[in-house]
Amino acid sequence: MEMLVVVLIIAILASLIVPNLIKNADRAKVAKATADISSLEDALQNYRLDNDKFPTSDEGLQSLTTQPSDARNWKGPYLTKNIPADPWGGQYVYQSPGPSGEDYLITSYGPDGQPGGGDDITSDD
């Protein structure tokens, strides 16, 4: 009987604690994606200062670590590490120019890995 009470108490505590841990983990992943995008934006600004333009969509974020053929003033690499995957294991998507006329747009498709759905994280957030 005592063992049953202990198991019941543990189950009640777990039901209260686990949802909070999951929410915190989700918030941490969103914060990590936001920080990654900010770092990529800083690197893109440095690239633009050297080359007078942002990389094209075809050149992509790879141009921050590997010199594109048309970037004569490239002084990179502009990142100290390789381009990170987003916290959900997907790749950041780079578009230049952005779809709304901005210079560029960097997007993480979030936990579902699909565009749209309200969980995308972008550089224009």
PDB file of N, CA and C in Angstrom:
ATOM      1  N   MET A   1       0.816  -1.189   0.000  1.00  0.00           N
ATOM      2  CA  MET A   1       0.000   0.000   0.000  1.00  0.00           C
ATOM      3  C   MET A   1       0.867   1.264   0.000  1.00  0.00           C
ATOM      4  N   GLU A   2       1.929   1.251   0.818  1.00  0.00           N
ATOM      5  CA  GLU A   2       2.826   2.406   0.876  1.00  0.00           C
ATOM      6  C   GLU A   2       3.492   2.640  -0.481  1.00  0.00           C
ATOM      7  N   MET A   3       3.846   1.563  -1.132  1.00  0.00           N
ATOM      8  CA  MET A   3       4.481   1.661  -2.447  1.00  0.00           C
ATOM      9  C   MET A   3       3.528   2.295  -3.452  1.00  0.00           C
ATOM     10  N   LEU A   4       2.276   1.945  -3.396  1.00  0.00           N
ATOM     11  CA  LEU A   4       1.281   2.512  -4.287  1.00  0.00           C
ATOM     12  C   LEU A   4       1.138   4.019  -4.060  1.00  0.00           C
ATOM     13  N   VAL A   5       1.180   4.461  -2.813  1.00  0.00           N
ATOM     14  CA  VAL A   5       1.086   5.882  -2.488  1.00  0.00           C
ATOM     15  C   VAL A   5       2.302   6.623  -3.048  1.00  0.00           C
ATOM     16  N   VAL A   6       3.496   6.041  -2.906  1.00  0.00           N
ATOM     17  CA  VAL A   6       4.715   6.664  -3.420  1.00  0.00           C
ATOM     18  C   VAL A   6       4.647   6.789  -4.941  1.00  0.00           C
ATOM     19  N   VAL A   7       4.211   5.749  -5.616  1.00  0.00           N
ATOM     20  CA  VAL A   7       4.081   5.791  -7.080  1.00  0.00           C
ATOM     21  C   VAL A   7       3.068   6.851  -7.485  1.00  0.00           C
ATOM     22  N   LEU A   8       1.966   6.946  -6.763  1.00  0.00           N
ATOM     23  CA  LEU A   8       0.949   7.950  -7.061  1.00  0.00           C
ATOM     24  C   LEU A   8       1.500   9.363  -6.882  1.00  0.00           C
ATOM     25  N   ILE A   9       2.259   9.599  -5.831  1.00  0.00           N
ATOM     26  CA  ILE A   9       2.857  10.927  -5.600  1.00  0.00           C
ATOM     27  C   ILE A   9       3.842  11.272  -6.721  1.00  0.00           C
ATOM     28  N   ILE A  10       4.651  10.311  -7.120  1.00  0.00           N
ATOM     29  CA  ILE A  10       5.609  10.542  -8.211  1.00  0.00           C
ATOM     30  C   ILE A  10       4.872  10.851  -9.508  1.00  0.00           C
ATOM     31  N   ALA A  11       3.800  10.135  -9.781  1.00  0.00           N
ATOM     32  CA  ALA A  11       3.027  10.377 -11.003  1.00  0.00           C
ATOM     33  C   ALA A  11       2.406  11.769 -10.996  1.00  0.00           C
ATOM     34  N   ILE A  12       1.905  12.199  -9.849  1.00  0.00           N
ATOM     35  CA  ILE A  12       1.309  13.535  -9.746  1.00  0.00           C
ATOM     36  C   ILE A  12       2.373  14.607  -9.961  1.00  0.00           C
ATOM     37  N   LEU A  13       3.524  14.442  -9.324  1.00  0.00           N
ATOM     38  CA  LEU A  13       4.611  15.410  -9.505  1.00  0.00           C
ATOM     39  C   LEU A  13       5.077  15.452 -10.959  1.00  0.00           C
ATOM     40  N   ALA A  14       5.208  14.301 -11.585  1.00  0.00           N
ATOM     41  CA  ALA A  14       5.643  14.242 -12.980  1.00  0.00           C
ATOM     42  C   ALA A  14       4.636  14.937 -13.886  1.00  0.00           C
ATOM     43  N   SER A  15       3.363  14.773 -13.607  1.00  0.00           N
ATOM     44  CA  SER A  15       2.337  15.402 -14.447  1.00  0.00           C
ATOM     45  C   SER A  15       2.353  16.923 -14.303  1.00  0.00           C
ATOM     46  N   LEU A  16       2.872  17.431 -13.206  1.00  0.00           N
ATOM     47  CA  LEU A  16       2.973  18.872 -13.016  1.00  0.00           C
ATOM     48  C   LEU A  16       4.275  19.439 -13.584  1.00  0.00           C
ATOM     49  N   ILE A  17       5.350  18.690 -13.500  1.00  0.00           N
ATOM     50  CA  ILE A  17       6.675  19.181 -13.870  1.00  0.00           C
ATOM     51  C   ILE A  17       6.977  19.001 -15.365  1.00  0.00           C
ATOM     52  N   VAL A  18       6.644  17.863 -15.935  1.00  0.00           N
ATOM     53  CA  VAL A  18       7.012  17.556 -17.321  1.00  0.00           C
ATOM     54  C   VAL A  18       6.467  18.587 -18.318  1.00  0.00           C
ATOM     55  N   PRO A  19       5.209  19.001 -18.236  1.00  0.00           N
ATOM     56  CA  PRO A  19       4.745  20.012 -19.202  1.00  0.00           C
ATOM     57  C   PRO A  19       5.555  21.317 -19.143  1.00  0.00           C
ATOM     58  N   ASN A  20       5.954  21.725 -17.937  1.00  0.00           N
ATOM     59  CA  ASN A  20       6.762  22.942 -17.813  1.00  0.00           C
ATOM     60  C   ASN A  20       8.132  22.757 -18.443  1.00  0.00           C
ATOM     61  N   LEU A  21       8.720  21.587 -18.292  1.00  0.00           N
ATOM     62  CA  LEU A  21      10.016  21.328 -18.910  1.00  0.00           C
ATOM     63  C   LEU A  21       9.920  21.348 -20.431  1.00  0.00           C
ATOM     64  N   ILE A  22       8.855  20.798 -20.965  1.00  0.00           N
ATOM     65  CA  ILE A  22       8.670  20.776 -22.418  1.00  0.00           C
ATOM     66  C   ILE A  22       8.500  22.196 -22.950  1.00  0.00           C
ATOM     67  N   LYS A  23       7.711  23.029 -22.253  1.00  0.00           N
ATOM     68  CA  LYS A  23       7.543  24.419 -22.675  1.00  0.00           C
ATOM     69  C   LYS A  23       8.872  25.150 -22.666  1.00  0.00           C
ATOM     70  N   ASN A  24       9.687  24.934 -21.621  1.00  0.00           N
ATOM     71  CA  ASN A  24      10.991  25.593 -21.532  1.00  0.00           C
ATOM     72  C   ASN A  24      11.911  25.124 -22.652  1.00  0.00           C
ATOM     73  N   ALA A  25      11.874  23.860 -22.997  1.00  0.00           N
ATOM     74  CA  ALA A  25      12.713  23.345 -24.084  1.00  0.00           C
ATOM     75  C   ALA A  25      12.292  23.971 -25.412  1.00  0.00           C
ATOM     76  N   ASP A  26      11.001  24.110 -25.650  1.00  0.00           N
ATOM     77  CA  ASP A  26      10.515  24.742 -26.883  1.00  0.00           C
ATOM     78  C   ASP A  26      10.954  26.201 -26.958  1.00  0.00           C
ATOM     79  N   ARG A  27      10.839  26.908 -25.837  1.00  0.00           N
ATOM     80  CA  ARG A  27      11.266  28.317 -25.818  1.00  0.00           C
ATOM     81  C   ARG A  27      12.759  28.433 -26.052  1.00  0.00           C
ATOM     82  N   ALA A  28      13.525  27.507 -25.511  1.00  0.00           N
ATOM     83  CA  ALA A  28      14.981  27.532 -25.698  1.00  0.00           C
ATOM     84  C   ALA A  28      15.344  27.311 -27.164  1.00  0.00           C
ATOM     85  N   LYS A  29      14.625  26.438 -27.848  1.00  0.00           N
ATOM     86  CA  LYS A  29      14.901  26.197 -29.271  1.00  0.00           C
ATOM     87  C   LYS A  29      14.568  27.429 -30.109  1.00  0.00           C
ATOM     88  N   VAL A  30      13.481  28.096 -29.788  1.00  0.00           N
ATOM     89  CA  VAL A  30      13.124  29.318 -30.504  1.00  0.00           C
ATOM     90  C   VAL A  30      14.192  30.388 -30.263  1.00  0.00           C
ATOM     91  N   ALA A  31      14.655  30.515 -29.017  1.00  0.00           N
ATOM     92  CA  ALA A  31      15.706  31.488 -28.700  1.00  0.00           C
ATOM     93  C   ALA A  31      16.999  31.156 -29.435  1.00  0.00           C
ATOM     94  N   LYS A  32      17.330  29.880 -29.544  1.00  0.00           N
ATOM     95  CA  LYS A  32      18.544  29.459 -30.265  1.00  0.00           C
ATOM     96  C   LYS A  32      18.425  29.801 -31.744  1.00  0.00           C
ATOM     97  N   ALA A  33      17.286  29.532 -32.349  1.00  0.00           N
ATOM     98  CA  ALA A  33      17.085  29.861 -33.760  1.00  0.00           C
ATOM     99  C   ALA A  33      17.187  31.372 -33.982  1.00  0.00           C
ATOM    100  N   THR A  34      16.610  32.151 -33.089  1.00  0.00           N
ATOM    101  CA  THR A  34      16.672  33.607 -33.193  1.00  0.00           C
ATOM    102  C   THR A  34      18.117  34.094 -33.085  1.00  0.00           C
ATOM    103  N   ALA A  35      18.874  33.516 -32.167  1.00  0.00           N
ATOM    104  CA  ALA A  35      20.285  33.897 -32.011  1.00  0.00           C
ATOM    105  C   ALA A  35      21.104  33.485 -33.230  1.00  0.00           C
ATOM    106  N   ASP A  36      20.849  32.295 -33.765  1.00  0.00           N
ATOM    107  CA  ASP A  36      21.553  31.854 -34.976  1.00  0.00           C
ATOM    108  C   ASP A  36      21.285  32.809 -36.136  1.00  0.00           C
ATOM    109  N   ILE A  37      20.031  33.171 -36.319  1.00  0.00           N
ATOM    110  CA  ILE A  37      19.667  34.072 -37.412  1.00  0.00           C
ATOM    111  C   ILE A  37      20.349  35.423 -37.234  1.00  0.00           C
ATOM    112  N   SER A  38      20.417  35.906 -36.006  1.00  0.00           N
ATOM    113  CA  SER A  38      21.092  37.175 -35.737  1.00  0.00           C
ATOM    114  C   SER A  38      22.583  37.087 -36.090  1.00  0.00           C
ATOM    115  N   SER A  39      23.226  35.984 -35.753  1.00  0.00           N
ATOM    116  CA  SER A  39      24.641  35.795 -36.100  1.00  0.00           C
ATOM    117  C   SER A  39      24.832  35.735 -37.613  1.00  0.00           C
ATOM    118  N   LEU A  40      23.927  35.054 -38.296  1.00  0.00           N
ATOM    119  CA  LEU A  40      24.006  34.987 -39.753  1.00  0.00           C
ATOM    120  C   LEU A  40      23.804  36.373 -40.363  1.00  0.00           C
ATOM    121  N   GLU A  41      22.915  37.164 -39.789  1.00  0.00           N
ATOM    122  CA  GLU A  41      22.705  38.524 -40.286  1.00  0.00           C
ATOM    123  C   GLU A  41      23.966  39.371 -40.117  1.00  0.00           C
ATOM    124  N   ASP A  42      24.628  39.243 -38.983  1.00  0.00           N
ATOM    125  CA  ASP A  42      25.883  39.979 -38.769  1.00  0.00           C
ATOM    126  C   ASP A  42      26.921  39.586 -39.814  1.00  0.00           C
ATOM    127  N   ALA A  43      27.037  38.293 -40.080  1.00  0.00           N
ATOM    128  CA  ALA A  43      27.994  37.813 -41.077  1.00  0.00           C
ATOM    129  C   ALA A  43      27.623  38.329 -42.469  1.00  0.00           C
ATOM    130  N   LEU A  44      26.329  38.346 -42.780  1.00  0.00           N
ATOM    131  CA  LEU A  44      25.884  38.871 -44.078  1.00  0.00           C
ATOM    132  C   LEU A  44      26.205  40.357 -44.222  1.00  0.00           C
ATOM    133  N   GLN A  45      26.072  41.110 -43.154  1.00  0.00           N
ATOM    134  CA  GLN A  45      26.417  42.538 -43.210  1.00  0.00           C
ATOM    135  C   GLN A  45      27.910  42.716 -43.486  1.00  0.00           C
ATOM    136  N   ASN A  46      28.740  41.895 -42.847  1.00  0.00           N
ATOM    137  CA  ASN A  46      30.179  41.969 -43.100  1.00  0.00           C
ATOM    138  C   ASN A  46      30.502  41.587 -44.542  1.00  0.00           C
ATOM    139  N   TYR A  47      29.831  40.574 -45.054  1.00  0.00           N
ATOM    140  CA  TYR A  47      29.999  40.176 -46.451  1.00  0.00           C
ATOM    141  C   TYR A  47      29.654  41.355 -47.366  1.00  0.00           C
ATOM    142  N   ARG A  48      28.529  42.005 -47.088  1.00  0.00           N
ATOM    143  CA  ARG A  48      28.093  43.123 -47.922  1.00  0.00           C
ATOM    144  C   ARG A  48      29.083  44.281 -47.864  1.00  0.00           C
ATOM    145  N   LEU A  49      29.653  44.555 -46.701  1.00  0.00           N
ATOM    146  CA  LEU A  49      30.647  45.631 -46.594  1.00  0.00           C
ATOM    147  C   LEU A  49      31.841  45.367 -47.504  1.00  0.00           C
ATOM    148  N   ASP A  50      32.264  44.115 -47.581  1.00  0.00           N
ATOM    149  CA  ASP A  50      33.422  43.764 -48.408  1.00  0.00           C
ATOM    150  C   ASP A  50      33.081  43.681 -49.890  1.00  0.00           C
ATOM    151  N   ASN A  51      31.884  43.222 -50.224  1.00  0.00           N
ATOM    152  CA  ASN A  51      31.547  42.904 -51.615  1.00  0.00           C
ATOM    153  C   ASN A  51      30.493  43.817 -52.239  1.00  0.00           C
ATOM    154  N   ASP A  52      30.020  44.806 -51.493  1.00  0.00           N
ATOM    155  CA  ASP A  52      29.032  45.775 -51.972  1.00  0.00           C
ATOM    156  C   ASP A  52      27.694  45.156 -52.372  1.00  0.00           C
ATOM    157  N   LYS A  53      27.440  43.936 -51.959  1.00  0.00           N
ATOM    158  CA  LYS A  53      26.155  43.283 -52.224  1.00  0.00           C
ATOM    159  C   LYS A  53      26.025  42.091 -51.278  1.00  0.00           C
ATOM    160  N   PHE A  54      24.788  41.638 -51.138  1.00  0.00           N
ATOM    161  CA  PHE A  54      24.551  40.410 -50.386  1.00  0.00           C
ATOM    162  C   PHE A  54      24.709  39.225 -51.334  1.00  0.00           C
ATOM    163  N   PRO A  55      25.007  38.054 -50.814  1.00  0.00           N
ATOM    164  CA  PRO A  55      25.048  36.878 -51.696  1.00  0.00           C
ATOM    165  C   PRO A  55      23.681  36.654 -52.342  1.00  0.00           C
ATOM    166  N   THR A  56      23.680  36.077 -53.518  1.00  0.00           N
ATOM    167  CA  THR A  56      22.419  35.742 -54.167  1.00  0.00           C
ATOM    168  C   THR A  56      21.813  34.512 -53.485  1.00  0.00           C
ATOM    169  N   SER A  57      20.563  34.238 -53.799  1.00  0.00           N
ATOM    170  CA  SER A  57      19.921  33.026 -53.266  1.00  0.00           C
ATOM    171  C   SER A  57      20.683  31.783 -53.708  1.00  0.00           C
ATOM    172  N   ASP A  58      21.164  31.779 -54.953  1.00  0.00           N
ATOM    173  CA  ASP A  58      21.912  30.625 -55.453  1.00  0.00           C
ATOM    174  C   ASP A  58      23.228  30.437 -54.708  1.00  0.00           C
ATOM    175  N   GLU A  59      23.916  31.535 -54.396  1.00  0.00           N
ATOM    176  CA  GLU A  59      25.171  31.433 -53.635  1.00  0.00           C
ATOM    177  C   GLU A  59      24.883  31.000 -52.205  1.00  0.00           C
ATOM    178  N   GLY A  60      23.791  31.482 -51.664  1.00  0.00           N
ATOM    179  CA  GLY A  60      23.316  31.070 -50.351  1.00  0.00           C
ATOM    180  C   GLY A  60      24.243  31.431 -49.205  1.00  0.00           C
ATOM    181  N   LEU A  61      23.929  30.878 -48.061  1.00  0.00           N
ATOM    182  CA  LEU A  61      24.715  31.130 -46.861  1.00  0.00           C
ATOM    183  C   LEU A  61      26.111  30.518 -46.957  1.00  0.00           C
ATOM    184  N   GLN A  62      26.309  29.592 -47.891  1.00  0.00           N
ATOM    185  CA  GLN A  62      27.628  28.976 -48.078  1.00  0.00           C
ATOM    186  C   GLN A  62      28.669  30.030 -48.426  1.00  0.00           C
ATOM    187  N   SER A  63      28.233  31.144 -49.012  1.00  0.00           N
ATOM    188  CA  SER A  63      29.172  32.193 -49.386  1.00  0.00           C
ATOM    189  C   SER A  63      29.799  32.866 -48.170  1.00  0.00           C
ATOM    190  N   LEU A  64      29.265  32.605 -46.996  1.00  0.00           N
ATOM    191  CA  LEU A  64      29.855  33.141 -45.772  1.00  0.00           C
ATOM    192  C   LEU A  64      31.079  32.335 -45.334  1.00  0.00           C
ATOM    193  N   THR A  65      31.194  31.115 -45.829  1.00  0.00           N
ATOM    194  CA  THR A  65      32.332  30.264 -45.457  1.00  0.00           C
ATOM    195  C   THR A  65      33.215  29.900 -46.642  1.00  0.00           C
ATOM    196  N   THR A  66      32.668  29.978 -47.861  1.00  0.00           N
ATOM    197  CA  THR A  66      33.404  29.633 -49.073  1.00  0.00           C
ATOM    198  C   THR A  66      33.238  30.757 -50.080  1.00  0.00           C
ATOM    199  N   GLN A  67      34.326  31.221 -50.642  1.00  0.00           N
ATOM    200  CA  GLN A  67      34.275  32.359 -51.558  1.00  0.00           C
ATOM    201  C   GLN A  67      33.555  32.019 -52.854  1.00  0.00           C
ATOM    202  N   PRO A  68      32.505  32.784 -53.173  1.00  0.00           N
ATOM    203  CA  PRO A  68      31.858  32.617 -54.475  1.00  0.00           C
ATOM    204  C   PRO A  68      32.772  33.159 -55.585  1.00  0.00           C
ATOM    205  N   SER A  69      32.587  32.701 -56.796  1.00  0.00           N
ATOM    206  CA  SER A  69      33.465  33.088 -57.899  1.00  0.00           C
ATOM    207  C   SER A  69      33.378  34.584 -58.231  1.00  0.00           C
ATOM    208  N   ASP A  70      32.238  35.226 -57.981  1.00  0.00           N
ATOM    209  CA  ASP A  70      32.109  36.643 -58.342  1.00  0.00           C
ATOM    210  C   ASP A  70      32.367  37.603 -57.180  1.00  0.00           C
ATOM    211  N   ALA A  71      32.843  37.104 -56.056  1.00  0.00           N
ATOM    212  CA  ALA A  71      33.110  37.958 -54.888  1.00  0.00           C
ATOM    213  C   ALA A  71      34.615  38.258 -54.813  1.00  0.00           C
ATOM    214  N   ARG A  72      35.038  39.286 -55.549  1.00  0.00           N
ATOM    215  CA  ARG A  72      36.468  39.590 -55.655  1.00  0.00           C
ATOM    216  C   ARG A  72      37.060  40.159 -54.373  1.00  0.00           C
ATOM    217  N   ASN A  73      36.247  40.825 -53.567  1.00  0.00           N
ATOM    218  CA  ASN A  73      36.753  41.428 -52.323  1.00  0.00           C
ATOM    219  C   ASN A  73      36.440  40.584 -51.089  1.00  0.00           C
ATOM    220  N   TRP A  74      36.136  39.319 -51.308  1.00  0.00           N
ATOM    221  CA  TRP A  74      35.776  38.410 -50.217  1.00  0.00           C
ATOM    222  C   TRP A  74      36.923  38.330 -49.225  1.00  0.00           C
ATOM    223  N   LYS A  75      36.662  38.592 -47.963  1.00  0.00           N
ATOM    224  CA  LYS A  75      37.686  38.551 -46.919  1.00  0.00           C
ATOM    225  C   LYS A  75      37.295  37.580 -45.813  1.00  0.00           C
ATOM    226  N   GLY A  76      36.511  36.592 -46.191  1.00  0.00           N
ATOM    227  CA  GLY A  76      35.994  35.620 -45.222  1.00  0.00           C
ATOM    228  C   GLY A  76      37.017  34.584 -44.855  1.00  0.00           C
ATOM    229  N   PRO A  77      36.621  33.586 -44.167  1.00  0.00           N
ATOM    230  CA  PRO A  77      35.221  33.275 -43.862  1.00  0.00           C
ATOM    231  C   PRO A  77      34.624  34.251 -42.847  1.00  0.00           C
ATOM    232  N   TYR A  78      33.347  34.499 -43.001  1.00  0.00           N
ATOM    233  CA  TYR A  78      32.637  35.450 -42.166  1.00  0.00           C
ATOM    234  C   TYR A  78      32.013  34.791 -40.939  1.00  0.00           C
ATOM    235  N   LEU A  79      32.095  33.481 -40.873  1.00  0.00           N
ATOM    236  CA  LEU A  79      31.648  32.724 -39.700  1.00  0.00           C
ATOM    237  C   LEU A  79      32.832  31.946 -39.170  1.00  0.00           C
ATOM    238  N   THR A  80      32.944  31.836 -37.855  1.00  0.00           N
ATOM    239  CA  THR A  80      34.056  31.086 -37.268  1.00  0.00           C
ATOM    240  C   THR A  80      33.796  29.582 -37.297  1.00  0.00           C
ATOM    241  N   LYS A  81      32.540  29.191 -37.456  1.00  0.00           N
ATOM    242  CA  LYS A  81      32.164  27.779 -37.540  1.00  0.00           C
ATOM    243  C   LYS A  81      31.353  27.565 -38.803  1.00  0.00           C
ATOM    244  N   ASN A  82      31.051  26.327 -39.096  1.00  0.00           N
ATOM    245  CA  ASN A  82      30.184  26.034 -40.237  1.00  0.00           C
ATOM    246  C   ASN A  82      28.792  26.596 -39.990  1.00  0.00           C
ATOM    247  N   ILE A  83      28.025  26.718 -41.046  1.00  0.00           N
ATOM    248  CA  ILE A  83      26.649  27.206 -40.927  1.00  0.00           C
ATOM    249  C   ILE A  83      25.867  26.199 -40.091  1.00  0.00           C
ATOM    250  N   PRO A  84      25.242  26.667 -39.006  1.00  0.00           N
ATOM    251  CA  PRO A  84      24.547  25.727 -38.132  1.00  0.00           C
ATOM    252  C   PRO A  84      23.235  25.232 -38.736  1.00  0.00           C
ATOM    253  N   ALA A  85      22.828  24.065 -38.302  1.00  0.00           N
ATOM    254  CA  ALA A  85      21.462  23.606 -38.573  1.00  0.00           C
ATOM    255  C   ALA A  85      20.560  24.306 -37.563  1.00  0.00           C
ATOM    256  N   ASP A  86      19.296  24.421 -37.886  1.00  0.00           N
ATOM    257  CA  ASP A  86      18.394  25.016 -36.905  1.00  0.00           C
ATOM    258  C   ASP A  86      18.192  24.024 -35.751  1.00  0.00           C
ATOM    259  N   PRO A  87      17.624  24.463 -34.639  1.00  0.00           N
ATOM    260  CA  PRO A  87      17.496  23.585 -33.469  1.00  0.00           C
ATOM    261  C   PRO A  87      16.666  22.325 -33.685  1.00  0.00           C
ATOM    262  N   TRP A  88      15.906  22.266 -34.769  1.00  0.00           N
ATOM    263  CA  TRP A  88      15.080  21.093 -35.064  1.00  0.00           C
ATOM    264  C   TRP A  88      15.743  20.201 -36.105  1.00  0.00           C
ATOM    265  N   GLY A  89      16.985  20.520 -36.470  1.00  0.00           N
ATOM    266  CA  GLY A  89      17.732  19.693 -37.408  1.00  0.00           C
ATOM    267  C   GLY A  89      17.568  20.079 -38.869  1.00  0.00           C
ATOM    268  N   GLY A  90      16.795  21.107 -39.152  1.00  0.00           N
ATOM    269  CA  GLY A  90      16.629  21.572 -40.524  1.00  0.00           C
ATOM    270  C   GLY A  90      17.695  22.590 -40.895  1.00  0.00           C
ATOM    271  N   GLN A  91      17.687  23.006 -42.134  1.00  0.00           N
ATOM    272  CA  GLN A  91      18.626  24.020 -42.611  1.00  0.00           C
ATOM    273  C   GLN A  91      17.939  25.376 -42.626  1.00  0.00           C
ATOM    274  N   TYR A  92      18.710  26.420 -42.349  1.00  0.00           N
ATOM    275  CA  TYR A  92      18.180  27.771 -42.512  1.00  0.00           C
ATOM    276  C   TYR A  92      18.046  28.039 -44.007  1.00  0.00           C
ATOM    277  N   VAL A  93      16.942  28.661 -44.391  1.00  0.00           N
ATOM    278  CA  VAL A  93      16.668  28.967 -45.788  1.00  0.00           C
ATOM    279  C   VAL A  93      16.994  30.434 -46.020  1.00  0.00           C
ATOM    280  N   TYR A  94      17.800  30.696 -47.042  1.00  0.00           N
ATOM    281  CA  TYR A  94      18.234  32.053 -47.366  1.00  0.00           C
ATOM    282  C   TYR A  94      17.667  32.458 -48.722  1.00  0.00           C
ATOM    283  N   GLN A  95      17.062  33.648 -48.774  1.00  0.00           N
ATOM    284  CA  GLN A  95      16.538  34.192 -50.027  1.00  0.00           C
ATOM    285  C   GLN A  95      17.044  35.624 -50.177  1.00  0.00           C
ATOM    286  N   SER A  96      17.591  35.944 -51.337  1.00  0.00           N
ATOM    287  CA  SER A  96      18.018  37.308 -51.607  1.00  0.00           C
ATOM    288  C   SER A  96      17.767  37.622 -53.075  1.00  0.00           C
ATOM    289  N   PRO A  97      16.948  38.602 -53.353  1.00  0.00           N
ATOM    290  CA  PRO A  97      16.213  39.433 -52.402  1.00  0.00           C
ATOM    291  C   PRO A  97      15.080  38.654 -51.747  1.00  0.00           C
ATOM    292  N   GLY A  98      14.623  39.169 -50.622  1.00  0.00           N
ATOM    293  CA  GLY A  98      13.532  38.523 -49.914  1.00  0.00           C
ATOM    294  C   GLY A  98      12.222  38.657 -50.676  1.00  0.00           C
ATOM    295  N   PRO A  99      11.233  37.849 -50.334  1.00  0.00           N
ATOM    296  CA  PRO A  99       9.959  37.849 -51.073  1.00  0.00           C
ATOM    297  C   PRO A  99       9.161  39.140 -50.947  1.00  0.00           C
ATOM    298  N   SER A 100       9.435  39.942 -49.929  1.00  0.00           N
ATOM    299  CA  SER A 100       8.693  41.199 -49.751  1.00  0.00           C
ATOM    300  C   SER A 100       9.535  42.413 -50.132  1.00  0.00           C
ATOM    301  N   GLY A 101      10.626  42.175 -50.894  1.00  0.00           N
ATOM    302  CA  GLY A 101      11.457  43.276 -51.341  1.00  0.00           C
ATOM    303  C   GLY A 101      12.601  43.624 -50.403  1.00  0.00           C
ATOM    304  N   GLU A 102      12.717  42.944 -49.269  1.00  0.00           N
ATOM    305  CA  GLU A 102      13.826  43.204 -48.369  1.00  0.00           C
ATOM    306  C   GLU A 102      15.124  42.667 -49.002  1.00  0.00           C
ATOM    307  N   ASP A 103      16.274  43.100 -48.482  1.00  0.00           N
ATOM    308  CA  ASP A 103      17.562  42.676 -49.040  1.00  0.00           C
ATOM    309  C   ASP A 103      17.714  41.160 -49.021  1.00  0.00           C
ATOM    310  N   TYR A 104      17.278  40.548 -47.934  1.00  0.00           N
ATOM    311  CA  TYR A 104      17.365  39.091 -47.792  1.00  0.00           C
ATOM    312  C   TYR A 104      16.376  38.643 -46.736  1.00  0.00           C
ATOM    313  N   LEU A 105      16.132  37.354 -46.696  1.00  0.00           N
ATOM    314  CA  LEU A 105      15.294  36.757 -45.662  1.00  0.00           C
ATOM    315  C   LEU A 105      15.919  35.421 -45.276  1.00  0.00           C
ATOM    316  N   ILE A 106      16.116  35.223 -43.984  1.00  0.00           N
ATOM    317  CA  ILE A 106      16.610  33.953 -43.453  1.00  0.00           C
ATOM    318  C   ILE A 106      15.454  33.341 -42.672  1.00  0.00           C
ATOM    319  N   THR A 107      15.177  32.061 -42.924  1.00  0.00           N
ATOM    320  CA  THR A 107      14.022  31.411 -42.301  1.00  0.00           C
ATOM    321  C   THR A 107      14.403  30.056 -41.730  1.00  0.00           C
ATOM    322  N   SER A 108      13.899  29.777 -40.539  1.00  0.00           N
ATOM    323  CA  SER A 108      13.869  28.422 -39.986  1.00  0.00           C
ATOM    324  C   SER A 108      12.411  28.000 -40.031  1.00  0.00           C
ATOM    325  N   TYR A 109      12.138  26.813 -40.557  1.00  0.00           N
ATOM    326  CA  TYR A 109      10.752  26.362 -40.656  1.00  0.00           C
ATOM    327  C   TYR A 109      10.224  25.806 -39.342  1.00  0.00           C
ATOM    328  N   GLY A 110      11.008  25.861 -38.287  1.00  0.00           N
ATOM    329  CA  GLY A 110      10.526  25.482 -36.967  1.00  0.00           C
ATOM    330  C   GLY A 110      10.362  23.990 -36.783  1.00  0.00           C
ATOM    331  N   PRO A 111       9.595  23.594 -35.776  1.00  0.00           N
ATOM    332  CA  PRO A 111       9.498  22.177 -35.416  1.00  0.00           C
ATOM    333  C   PRO A 111       8.874  21.286 -36.479  1.00  0.00           C
ATOM    334  N   ASP A 112       7.984  21.837 -37.311  1.00  0.00           N
ATOM    335  CA  ASP A 112       7.358  20.976 -38.318  1.00  0.00           C
ATOM    336  C   ASP A 112       8.194  20.853 -39.588  1.00  0.00           C
ATOM    337  N   GLY A 113       9.214  21.710 -39.751  1.00  0.00           N
ATOM    338  CA  GLY A 113      10.093  21.632 -40.906  1.00  0.00           C
ATOM    339  C   GLY A 113       9.440  22.018 -42.222  1.00  0.00           C
ATOM    340  N   GLN A 114       8.254  22.611 -42.161  1.00  0.00           N
ATOM    341  CA  GLN A 114       7.505  22.975 -43.366  1.00  0.00           C
ATOM    342  C   GLN A 114       7.249  24.479 -43.372  1.00  0.00           C
ATOM    343  N   PRO A 115       7.262  25.096 -44.558  1.00  0.00           N
ATOM    344  CA  PRO A 115       6.943  26.527 -44.610  1.00  0.00           C
ATOM    345  C   PRO A 115       5.510  26.787 -44.163  1.00  0.00           C
ATOM    346  N   GLY A 116       5.335  27.918 -43.504  1.00  0.00           N
ATOM    347  CA  GLY A 116       4.001  28.301 -43.038  1.00  0.00           C
ATOM    348  C   GLY A 116       3.640  27.605 -41.740  1.00  0.00           C
ATOM    349  N   GLY A 117       2.420  27.720 -41.364  1.00  0.00           N
ATOM    350  CA  GLY A 117       1.946  27.058 -40.158  1.00  0.00           C
ATOM    351  C   GLY A 117       2.102  27.877 -38.890  1.00  0.00           C
ATOM    352  N   GLY A 118       2.663  29.068 -39.012  1.00  0.00           N
ATOM    353  CA  GLY A 118       2.756  29.937 -37.848  1.00  0.00           C
ATOM    354  C   GLY A 118       3.929  29.675 -36.919  1.00  0.00           C
ATOM    355  N   ASP A 119       4.766  28.666 -37.207  1.00  0.00           N
ATOM    356  CA  ASP A 119       5.887  28.401 -36.318  1.00  0.00           C
ATOM    357  C   ASP A 119       7.237  28.712 -36.962  1.00  0.00           C
ATOM    358  N   ASP A 120       7.218  29.354 -38.151  1.00  0.00           N
ATOM    359  CA  ASP A 120       8.455  29.728 -38.808  1.00  0.00           C
ATOM    360  C   ASP A 120       9.104  30.896 -38.047  1.00  0.00           C
ATOM    361  N   ILE A 121      10.423  30.910 -38.057  1.00  0.00           N
ATOM    362  CA  ILE A 121      11.189  31.982 -37.431  1.00  0.00           C
ATOM    363  C   ILE A 121      12.000  32.629 -38.542  1.00  0.00           C
ATOM    364  N   THR A 122      11.868  33.948 -38.703  1.00  0.00           N
ATOM    365  CA  THR A 122      12.528  34.622 -39.802  1.00  0.00           C
ATOM    366  C   THR A 122      13.370  35.797 -39.319  1.00  0.00           C
ATOM    367  N   SER A 123      14.219  36.283 -40.222  1.00  0.00           N
ATOM    368  CA  SER A 123      15.051  37.424 -39.898  1.00  0.00           C
ATOM    369  C   SER A 123      14.250  38.714 -39.834  1.00  0.00           C
ATOM    370  N   ASP A 124      13.035  38.729 -40.311  1.00  0.00           N
ATOM    371  CA  ASP A 124      12.227  39.947 -40.227  1.00  0.00           C
ATOM    372  C   ASP A 124      11.256  39.934 -39.051  1.00  0.00           C
ATOM    373  N   ASP A 125      11.400  38.970 -38.154  1.00  0.00           N
ATOM    374  CA  ASP A 125      10.539  38.924 -36.949  1.00  0.00           C
ATOM    375  C   ASP A 125      10.925  40.001 -35.957  1.00  0.00           C
TER     376      ASP A 125
END
